[in-house]
Amino acid sequence: MFTNVKHCCAACDLDCYDLAFDILEKAHVAVTPGTDFGPGGEGYLRLSYANSYERLVEGLNRLDHYFAQINS
């Protein structure tokens, strides 16, 4: 899934590459920066849902907490 995170990048003053690594470091969720798929991918993250339901729920909860923190 390719998701638009341009508003989060602007709020954090990070590009999508740095945002992806910030998420990995702070939320322990691996996402792929959109720029790995070309320059048009700036401002997007790729999320994979090839995992168990339980692990997906855990990952989404961690992402929810991460984005709640940066948006407050």
Protein backbone atom coordinates (compact mmCIF):
# COMPACT_ATOMS: atom_id res chain seq x y z
CA MET A 1 0.00 0.00 0.00
CA PHE A 2 1.34 3.43 -0.94
CA THR A 3 0.17 6.05 1.55
CA ASN A 4 0.47 9.82 1.36
CA VAL A 5 2.39 11.26 4.31
CA LYS A 6 3.22 14.68 2.87
CA HIS A 7 1.48 16.46 5.77
CA CYS A 8 3.51 14.43 8.28
CA CYS A 9 6.75 15.12 6.44
CA ALA A 10 6.00 18.84 6.52
CA ALA A 11 5.04 18.75 10.22
CA CYS A 12 8.26 16.93 11.14
CA ASP A 13 10.44 18.76 8.62
CA LEU A 14 11.60 15.36 7.27
CA ASP A 15 11.60 13.85 3.81
CA CYS A 16 9.93 10.46 3.43
CA TYR A 17 13.28 8.65 3.69
CA ASP A 18 14.08 10.20 7.06
CA LEU A 19 10.48 9.74 8.20
CA ALA A 20 10.65 6.01 7.40
CA PHE A 21 13.78 5.63 9.54
CA ASP A 22 12.30 7.74 12.34
CA ILE A 23 9.28 5.40 12.38
CA LEU A 24 11.58 2.38 12.49
CA GLU A 25 13.60 3.83 15.36
CA LYS A 26 10.70 5.12 17.46
CA ALA A 27 7.76 2.83 16.60
CA HIS A 28 9.72 -0.28 15.61
CA VAL A 29 7.72 -0.62 12.40
CA ALA A 30 9.51 -1.06 9.07
CA VAL A 31 8.09 0.97 6.19
CA THR A 32 9.67 1.81 2.84
CA PRO A 33 10.17 5.40 1.71
CA GLY A 34 8.35 6.17 -1.51
CA THR A 35 11.52 7.51 -3.07
CA ASP A 36 12.81 3.93 -3.27
CA PHE A 37 10.32 3.63 -6.15
CA GLY A 38 11.42 6.81 -7.92
CA PRO A 39 11.44 10.58 -7.40
CA GLY A 40 7.64 10.77 -7.71
CA GLY A 41 7.41 8.77 -4.50
CA GLU A 42 8.53 11.66 -2.29
CA GLY A 43 5.91 12.23 0.40
CA TYR A 44 4.72 8.62 0.38
CA LEU A 45 5.47 5.49 2.38
CA ARG A 46 4.96 1.93 1.25
CA LEU A 47 3.31 -0.33 3.80
CA SER A 48 3.25 -4.08 3.32
CA TYR A 49 0.41 -6.13 4.75
CA ALA A 50 1.99 -9.53 4.07
CA ASN A 51 1.84 -10.73 7.66
CA SER A 52 -0.52 -12.20 10.23
CA TYR A 53 -3.59 -10.26 11.28
CA GLU A 54 -2.28 -9.94 14.85
CA ARG A 55 1.06 -8.48 13.73
CA LEU A 56 -0.69 -6.07 11.37
CA VAL A 57 -2.92 -4.82 14.19
CA GLU A 58 0.14 -4.37 16.41
CA GLY A 59 2.00 -2.49 13.68
CA LEU A 60 -0.96 -0.22 12.98
CA ASN A 61 -1.37 0.51 16.69
CA ARG A 62 2.31 1.47 16.86
CA LEU A 63 1.93 3.71 13.80
CA ASP A 64 -1.17 5.31 15.30
CA HIS A 65 0.75 6.10 18.48
CA TYR A 66 3.73 7.44 16.51
CA PHE A 67 1.63 9.77 14.36
CA ALA A 68 -0.41 10.91 17.38
CA GLN A 69 2.84 11.94 19.05
CA ILE A 70 4.15 13.96 16.09
CA ASN A 71 0.80 15.63 15.47
CA SER A 72 0.44 16.92 19.04
